[in-house]
PDB file of N, CA and C in Angstrom:
ATOM      1  N   MET A   1       0.761  -1.443   0.138  1.00  0.00           N
ATOM      2  CA  MET A   1      -0.067   0.162  -0.188  1.00  0.00           C
ATOM      3  C   MET A   1       0.947   1.098  -0.088  1.00  0.00           C
ATOM      4  N   ILE A   2       2.107   1.029   0.599  1.00  0.00           N
ATOM      5  CA  ILE A   2       2.757   2.087   0.784  1.00  0.00           C
ATOM      6  C   ILE A   2       3.539   2.951  -0.601  1.00  0.00           C
ATOM      7  N   ALA A   3       4.057   1.574  -0.730  1.00  0.00           N
ATOM      8  CA  ALA A   3       4.238   1.806  -2.510  1.00  0.00           C
ATOM      9  C   ALA A   3       3.350   2.147  -3.400  1.00  0.00           C
ATOM     10  N   ARG A   4       2.369   1.770  -3.335  1.00  0.00           N
ATOM     11  CA  ARG A   4       1.162   2.105  -4.521  1.00  0.00           C
ATOM     12  C   ARG A   4       0.612   3.861  -3.899  1.00  0.00           C
ATOM     13  N   LEU A   5       0.761   3.981  -2.775  1.00  0.00           N
ATOM     14  CA  LEU A   5       0.417   5.293  -2.902  1.00  0.00           C
ATOM     15  C   LEU A   5       1.476   6.333  -2.964  1.00  0.00           C
ATOM     16  N   THR A   6       2.488   6.071  -2.964  1.00  0.00           N
ATOM     17  CA  THR A   6       3.715   6.673  -3.263  1.00  0.00           C
ATOM     18  C   THR A   6       4.000   7.140  -4.535  1.00  0.00           C
ATOM     19  N   GLU A   7       3.593   5.822  -5.242  1.00  0.00           N
ATOM     20  CA  GLU A   7       3.840   5.882  -7.039  1.00  0.00           C
ATOM     21  C   GLU A   7       2.729   6.780  -7.532  1.00  0.00           C
ATOM     22  N   ASP A   8       1.354   6.758  -6.654  1.00  0.00           N
ATOM     23  CA  ASP A   8       0.257   7.310  -7.278  1.00  0.00           C
ATOM     24  C   ASP A   8       0.650   8.892  -7.320  1.00  0.00           C
ATOM     25  N   LEU A   9       0.698   9.061  -6.417  1.00  0.00           N
ATOM     26  CA  LEU A   9       1.726  10.919  -5.464  1.00  0.00           C
ATOM     27  C   LEU A   9       2.365  11.233  -6.814  1.00  0.00           C
ATOM     28  N   GLU A  10       3.124  10.388  -6.646  1.00  0.00           N
ATOM     29  CA  GLU A  10       4.712  10.855  -7.603  1.00  0.00           C
ATOM     30  C   GLU A  10       4.204  10.882  -8.910  1.00  0.00           C
ATOM     31  N   ALA A  11       3.528  10.130  -9.597  1.00  0.00           N
ATOM     32  CA  ALA A  11       2.850  10.403 -10.854  1.00  0.00           C
ATOM     33  C   ALA A  11       2.094  12.026 -11.100  1.00  0.00           C
ATOM     34  N   LYS A  12       0.696  11.999 -10.467  1.00  0.00           N
ATOM     35  CA  LYS A  12       0.427  13.122 -10.116  1.00  0.00           C
ATOM     36  C   LYS A  12       1.622  14.080 -10.164  1.00  0.00           C
ATOM     37  N   ARG A  13       2.298  14.353  -8.771  1.00  0.00           N
ATOM     38  CA  ARG A  13       3.333  15.520  -8.959  1.00  0.00           C
ATOM     39  C   ARG A  13       3.760  15.798 -10.235  1.00  0.00           C
ATOM     40  N   GLN A  14       4.910  14.860 -10.691  1.00  0.00           N
ATOM     41  CA  GLN A  14       4.758  14.905 -11.959  1.00  0.00           C
ATOM     42  C   GLN A  14       4.012  15.700 -13.086  1.00  0.00           C
ATOM     43  N   ALA A  15       2.843  15.193 -13.377  1.00  0.00           N
ATOM     44  CA  ALA A  15       2.041  15.654 -14.246  1.00  0.00           C
ATOM     45  C   ALA A  15       1.810  17.290 -13.753  1.00  0.00           C
ATOM     46  N   ILE A  16       1.625  17.758 -12.722  1.00  0.00           N
ATOM     47  CA  ILE A  16       1.931  18.884 -12.641  1.00  0.00           C
ATOM     48  C   ILE A  16       2.733  19.416 -12.553  1.00  0.00           C
ATOM     49  N   VAL A  17       3.709  18.798 -12.370  1.00  0.00           N
ATOM     50  CA  VAL A  17       5.388  20.213 -12.142  1.00  0.00           C
ATOM     51  C   VAL A  17       5.487  20.068 -14.012  1.00  0.00           C
ATOM     52  N   LYS A  18       4.975  19.096 -14.914  1.00  0.00           N
ATOM     53  CA  LYS A  18       4.925  19.372 -16.303  1.00  0.00           C
ATOM     54  C   LYS A  18       4.381  20.419 -16.975  1.00  0.00           C
ATOM     55  N   GLN A  19       2.896  20.293 -16.128  1.00  0.00           N
ATOM     56  CA  GLN A  19       2.595  21.462 -17.113  1.00  0.00           C
ATOM     57  C   GLN A  19       2.694  22.842 -16.889  1.00  0.00           C
ATOM     58  N   LEU A  20       3.025  22.634 -15.336  1.00  0.00           N
ATOM     59  CA  LEU A  20       3.188  24.101 -14.642  1.00  0.00           C
ATOM     60  C   LEU A  20       5.002  24.504 -15.277  1.00  0.00           C
ATOM     61  N   LEU A  21       5.721  23.829 -15.854  1.00  0.00           N
ATOM     62  CA  LEU A  21       6.464  24.459 -16.560  1.00  0.00           C
ATOM     63  C   LEU A  21       6.558  24.414 -17.904  1.00  0.00           C
ATOM     64  N   GLY A  22       5.637  23.442 -18.502  1.00  0.00           N
ATOM     65  CA  GLY A  22       5.417  23.650 -19.544  1.00  0.00           C
ATOM     66  C   GLY A  22       4.905  25.407 -20.190  1.00  0.00           C
ATOM     67  N   ARG A  23       4.126  25.532 -19.357  1.00  0.00           N
ATOM     68  CA  ARG A  23       3.339  27.153 -19.441  1.00  0.00           C
ATOM     69  C   ARG A  23       4.100  27.883 -18.441  1.00  0.00           C
ATOM     70  N   LEU A  24       5.297  28.112 -17.726  1.00  0.00           N
ATOM     71  CA  LEU A  24       5.993  29.053 -17.759  1.00  0.00           C
ATOM     72  C   LEU A  24       7.798  28.868 -18.786  1.00  0.00           C
ATOM     73  N   ASN A  25       7.394  27.851 -19.810  1.00  0.00           N
ATOM     74  CA  ASN A  25       8.574  27.458 -20.558  1.00  0.00           C
ATOM     75  C   ASN A  25       9.223  28.870 -21.116  1.00  0.00           C
ATOM     76  N   GLY A  26      10.516  29.191 -21.013  1.00  0.00           N
ATOM     77  CA  GLY A  26      11.157  30.385 -21.359  1.00  0.00           C
ATOM     78  C   GLY A  26      11.550  31.075 -20.762  1.00  0.00           C
ATOM     79  N   LYS A  27      10.650  31.170 -19.213  1.00  0.00           N
ATOM     80  CA  LYS A  27      10.483  32.323 -18.217  1.00  0.00           C
ATOM     81  C   LYS A  27      11.287  31.420 -16.895  1.00  0.00           C
ATOM     82  N   LEU A  28      11.909  30.206 -17.460  1.00  0.00           N
ATOM     83  CA  LEU A  28      12.853  30.180 -15.539  1.00  0.00           C
ATOM     84  C   LEU A  28      13.982  29.499 -16.277  1.00  0.00           C
ATOM     85  N   THR A  29      14.998  29.678 -15.076  1.00  0.00           N
ATOM     86  CA  THR A  29      16.557  29.306 -15.434  1.00  0.00           C
ATOM     87  C   THR A  29      15.927  27.904 -15.049  1.00  0.00           C
ATOM     88  N   GLU A  30      17.388  27.309 -15.257  1.00  0.00           N
ATOM     89  CA  GLU A  30      17.263  25.711 -14.671  1.00  0.00           C
ATOM     90  C   GLU A  30      17.441  25.799 -13.323  1.00  0.00           C
ATOM     91  N   ALA A  31      17.625  26.158 -12.545  1.00  0.00           N
ATOM     92  CA  ALA A  31      17.666  26.721 -10.970  1.00  0.00           C
ATOM     93  C   ALA A  31      15.883  26.528 -10.981  1.00  0.00           C
ATOM     94  N   ASP A  32      15.695  27.452 -11.319  1.00  0.00           N
ATOM     95  CA  ASP A  32      14.297  27.887 -10.782  1.00  0.00           C
ATOM     96  C   ASP A  32      13.221  26.406 -11.431  1.00  0.00           C
ATOM     97  N   LYS A  33      13.268  25.897 -11.858  1.00  0.00           N
ATOM     98  CA  LYS A  33      13.062  24.931 -12.521  1.00  0.00           C
ATOM     99  C   LYS A  33      13.094  23.311 -11.656  1.00  0.00           C
ATOM    100  N   ALA A  34      13.992  23.734 -11.058  1.00  0.00           N
ATOM    101  CA  ALA A  34      15.215  22.908 -10.035  1.00  0.00           C
ATOM    102  C   ALA A  34      14.142  23.263  -8.446  1.00  0.00           C
ATOM    103  N   TYR A  35      14.141  24.285  -8.276  1.00  0.00           N
ATOM    104  CA  TYR A  35      13.412  24.383  -7.308  1.00  0.00           C
ATOM    105  C   TYR A  35      11.925  24.505  -7.388  1.00  0.00           C
ATOM    106  N   VAL A  36      11.230  24.670  -8.159  1.00  0.00           N
ATOM    107  CA  VAL A  36       9.977  24.403  -8.164  1.00  0.00           C
ATOM    108  C   VAL A  36       9.647  22.723  -7.881  1.00  0.00           C
ATOM    109  N   GLU A  37      10.720  21.772  -9.185  1.00  0.00           N
ATOM    110  CA  GLU A  37      10.648  20.558  -8.830  1.00  0.00           C
ATOM    111  C   GLU A  37      10.310  20.154  -6.896  1.00  0.00           C
ATOM    112  N   GLY A  38      11.861  20.828  -6.804  1.00  0.00           N
ATOM    113  CA  GLY A  38      11.777  20.559  -5.597  1.00  0.00           C
ATOM    114  C   GLY A  38      10.920  20.943  -4.392  1.00  0.00           C
ATOM    115  N   ALA A  39      10.431  21.494  -4.664  1.00  0.00           N
ATOM    116  CA  ALA A  39       9.131  22.358  -3.834  1.00  0.00           C
ATOM    117  C   ALA A  39       8.067  21.526  -4.011  1.00  0.00           C
ATOM    118  N   PHE A  40       7.838  20.738  -5.125  1.00  0.00           N
ATOM    119  CA  PHE A  40       6.793  20.082  -5.163  1.00  0.00           C
ATOM    120  C   PHE A  40       6.821  18.628  -4.684  1.00  0.00           C
ATOM    121  N   ARG A  41       8.314  18.283  -4.714  1.00  0.00           N
ATOM    122  CA  ARG A  41       8.732  17.214  -4.260  1.00  0.00           C
ATOM    123  C   ARG A  41       8.626  17.118  -2.730  1.00  0.00           C
ATOM    124  N   LEU A  42       9.070  17.952  -2.052  1.00  0.00           N
ATOM    125  CA  LEU A  42       8.962  18.303  -0.368  1.00  0.00           C
ATOM    126  C   LEU A  42       7.316  18.126  -0.401  1.00  0.00           C
ATOM    127  N   LEU A  43       6.872  18.624  -0.495  1.00  0.00           N
ATOM    128  CA  LEU A  43       5.085  19.330   0.066  1.00  0.00           C
ATOM    129  C   LEU A  43       4.865  17.721  -0.766  1.00  0.00           C
ATOM    130  N   GLN A  44       5.113  16.718  -1.619  1.00  0.00           N
ATOM    131  CA  GLN A  44       4.518  15.520  -1.626  1.00  0.00           C
ATOM    132  C   GLN A  44       4.738  14.340  -0.476  1.00  0.00           C
ATOM    133  N   ASN A  45       6.678  15.091  -0.061  1.00  0.00           N
ATOM    134  CA  ASN A  45       7.404  13.951   0.854  1.00  0.00           C
ATOM    135  C   ASN A  45       6.457  14.371   2.000  1.00  0.00           C
ATOM    136  N   GLN A  46       6.252  15.719   2.601  1.00  0.00           N
ATOM    137  CA  GLN A  46       5.143  15.735   3.380  1.00  0.00           C
ATOM    138  C   GLN A  46       3.287  15.633   3.873  1.00  0.00           C
ATOM    139  N   PHE A  47       3.266  15.680   2.545  1.00  0.00           N
ATOM    140  CA  PHE A  47       2.326  14.903   2.624  1.00  0.00           C
ATOM    141  C   PHE A  47       1.902  13.555   2.791  1.00  0.00           C
ATOM    142  N   LEU A  48       2.566  12.816   2.182  1.00  0.00           N
ATOM    143  CA  LEU A  48       2.694  11.750   2.533  1.00  0.00           C
ATOM    144  C   LEU A  48       3.231  10.755   4.090  1.00  0.00           C
ATOM    145  N   HIS A  49       4.038  11.519   4.921  1.00  0.00           N
ATOM    146  CA  HIS A  49       4.406  11.133   6.316  1.00  0.00           C
ATOM    147  C   HIS A  49       3.697  10.504   7.119  1.00  0.00           C
ATOM    148  N   GLY A  50       2.613  11.600   6.922  1.00  0.00           N
ATOM    149  CA  GLY A  50       1.463  11.048   8.548  1.00  0.00           C
ATOM    150  C   GLY A  50       0.615   9.463   8.017  1.00  0.00           C
ATOM    151  N   PRO A  51       0.603   9.690   6.660  1.00  0.00           N
ATOM    152  CA  PRO A  51      -0.309   8.450   6.407  1.00  0.00           C
ATOM    153  C   PRO A  51       0.762   7.105   6.485  1.00  0.00           C
ATOM    154  N   ILE A  52       2.038   7.093   5.805  1.00  0.00           N
ATOM    155  CA  ILE A  52       3.135   6.269   6.061  1.00  0.00           C
ATOM    156  C   ILE A  52       3.317   6.148   7.259  1.00  0.00           C
ATOM    157  N   SER A  53       3.639   7.009   8.215  1.00  0.00           N
ATOM    158  CA  SER A  53       4.183   6.494   9.658  1.00  0.00           C
ATOM    159  C   SER A  53       2.264   5.745  10.110  1.00  0.00           C
ATOM    160  N   ALA A  54       1.465   6.521   9.877  1.00  0.00           N
ATOM    161  CA  ALA A  54       0.471   5.332  10.813  1.00  0.00           C
ATOM    162  C   ALA A  54       0.327   4.069  10.442  1.00  0.00           C
ATOM    163  N   LEU A  55       0.429   3.700   8.920  1.00  0.00           N
ATOM    164  CA  LEU A  55       0.194   2.627   8.322  1.00  0.00           C
ATOM    165  C   LEU A  55       1.104   1.744   8.987  1.00  0.00           C
ATOM    166  N   THR A  56       2.665   2.223   9.249  1.00  0.00           N
ATOM    167  CA  THR A  56       3.692   1.394   9.692  1.00  0.00           C
ATOM    168  C   THR A  56       3.285   1.197  11.013  1.00  0.00           C
ATOM    169  N   GLU A  57       3.191   1.646  11.637  1.00  0.00           N
ATOM    170  CA  GLU A  57       2.593   1.803  12.903  1.00  0.00           C
ATOM    171  C   GLU A  57       1.476   0.896  13.305  1.00  0.00           C
ATOM    172  N   GLU A  58       0.482   0.895  12.512  1.00  0.00           N
ATOM    173  CA  GLU A  58      -0.498  -0.140  12.672  1.00  0.00           C
ATOM    174  C   GLU A  58      -0.354  -1.100  12.223  1.00  0.00           C
ATOM    175  N   ALA A  59       0.854  -1.841  11.437  1.00  0.00           N
ATOM    176  CA  ALA A  59       1.576  -2.694  10.899  1.00  0.00           C
ATOM    177  C   ALA A  59       2.072  -3.238  11.786  1.00  0.00           C
ATOM    178  N   HIS A  60       3.120  -3.108  12.614  1.00  0.00           N
ATOM    179  CA  HIS A  60       4.420  -2.910  13.924  1.00  0.00           C
ATOM    180  C   HIS A  60       3.372  -3.559  15.091  1.00  0.00           C
ATOM    181  N   GLU A  61       1.970  -2.992  15.271  1.00  0.00           N
ATOM    182  CA  GLU A  61       0.830  -2.989  16.248  1.00  0.00           C
ATOM    183  C   GLU A  61       0.088  -4.243  16.464  1.00  0.00           C
ATOM    184  N   GLY A  62       0.151  -4.721  14.749  1.00  0.00           N
ATOM    185  CA  GLY A  62      -0.254  -5.576  15.235  1.00  0.00           C
ATOM    186  C   GLY A  62      -2.323  -5.564  14.829  1.00  0.00           C
ATOM    187  N   GLY A  63      -2.808  -4.278  14.409  1.00  0.00           N
ATOM    188  CA  GLY A  63      -3.802  -4.165  14.284  1.00  0.00           C
ATOM    189  C   GLY A  63      -4.541  -4.140  13.161  1.00  0.00           C
ATOM    190  N   GLY A  64      -5.882  -4.253  13.311  1.00  0.00           N
ATOM    191  CA  GLY A  64      -6.879  -4.783  11.628  1.00  0.00           C
ATOM    192  C   GLY A  64      -5.785  -3.827  11.171  1.00  0.00           C
ATOM    193  N   HIS A  65      -6.722  -3.750   9.765  1.00  0.00           N
ATOM    194  CA  HIS A  65      -6.745  -3.126   8.497  1.00  0.00           C
ATOM    195  C   HIS A  65      -7.924  -2.123   8.332  1.00  0.00           C
ATOM    196  N   THR A  66      -8.002  -1.374   9.639  1.00  0.00           N
ATOM    197  CA  THR A  66      -9.102  -0.421   9.582  1.00  0.00           C
ATOM    198  C   THR A  66      -8.105   0.755   8.497  1.00  0.00           C
ATOM    199  N   LEU A  67      -7.087   1.449   8.798  1.00  0.00           N
ATOM    200  CA  LEU A  67      -6.516   2.120   8.360  1.00  0.00           C
ATOM    201  C   LEU A  67      -5.713   1.480   6.780  1.00  0.00           C
ATOM    202  N   LEU A  68      -5.567   0.540   6.301  1.00  0.00           N
ATOM    203  CA  LEU A  68      -5.286   0.411   5.521  1.00  0.00           C
ATOM    204  C   LEU A  68      -6.392   0.371   4.506  1.00  0.00           C
ATOM    205  N   GLU A  69      -7.550   0.525   4.449  1.00  0.00           N
ATOM    206  CA  GLU A  69      -8.775   0.395   3.953  1.00  0.00           C
ATOM    207  C   GLU A  69      -9.577   1.594   3.681  1.00  0.00           C
ATOM    208  N   ALA A  70      -9.489   2.244   4.858  1.00  0.00           N
ATOM    209  CA  ALA A  70      -9.467   4.079   4.948  1.00  0.00           C
ATOM    210  C   ALA A  70      -8.820   4.258   3.665  1.00  0.00           C
ATOM    211  N   LEU A  71      -7.021   4.359   3.853  1.00  0.00           N
ATOM    212  CA  LEU A  71      -6.450   5.231   3.238  1.00  0.00           C
ATOM    213  C   LEU A  71      -6.649   4.633   1.457  1.00  0.00           C
ATOM    214  N   ARG A  72      -7.314   3.561   1.272  1.00  0.00           N
ATOM    215  CA  ARG A  72      -7.731   2.797   0.079  1.00  0.00           C
ATOM    216  C   ARG A  72      -8.879   3.665  -0.501  1.00  0.00           C
ATOM    217  N   LYS A  73      -9.778   3.800   0.262  1.00  0.00           N
ATOM    218  CA  LYS A  73     -10.532   4.687  -0.352  1.00  0.00           C
ATOM    219  C   LYS A  73     -10.591   6.169  -0.223  1.00  0.00           C
ATOM    220  N   LEU A  74      -9.611   7.149   0.326  1.00  0.00           N
ATOM    221  CA  LEU A  74      -8.984   8.307   0.479  1.00  0.00           C
ATOM    222  C   LEU A  74      -8.964   8.290  -0.875  1.00  0.00           C
ATOM    223  N   PHE A  75      -7.786   7.313  -1.169  1.00  0.00           N
ATOM    224  CA  PHE A  75      -6.827   7.300  -2.524  1.00  0.00           C
ATOM    225  C   PHE A  75      -7.274   6.998  -3.310  1.00  0.00           C
ATOM    226  N   ARG A  76      -8.236   6.164  -3.548  1.00  0.00           N
ATOM    227  CA  ARG A  76      -9.276   5.755  -4.672  1.00  0.00           C
ATOM    228  C   ARG A  76      -8.093   4.541  -4.875  1.00  0.00           C
ATOM    229  N   ILE A  77      -7.406   3.864  -4.005  1.00  0.00           N
ATOM    230  CA  ILE A  77      -6.097   3.080  -4.371  1.00  0.00           C
ATOM    231  C   ILE A  77      -7.109   1.587  -4.528  1.00  0.00           C
ATOM    232  N   GLU A  78      -6.703   1.008  -5.459  1.00  0.00           N
ATOM    233  CA  GLU A  78      -7.366  -0.485  -6.064  1.00  0.00           C
ATOM    234  C   GLU A  78      -5.898  -1.258  -4.693  1.00  0.00           C
TER     235      GLU A  78
END
């Protein structure tokens, strides 16, 4: 689930960054492009930190899979 969640958000992040950089084509330096890319990656990592930590804790505690099922529904992941 963690890998799937990460892959899904990574694909969405890449699509958004590609669209943004396409609109700003020629207006940004390579350093600016790298900064934008890094900012979106940081946002993605911060967004995923809580759900991934919670899933890891639940797995170590041996609890039910209620969190796993909730995340599947929230993020529409099969």
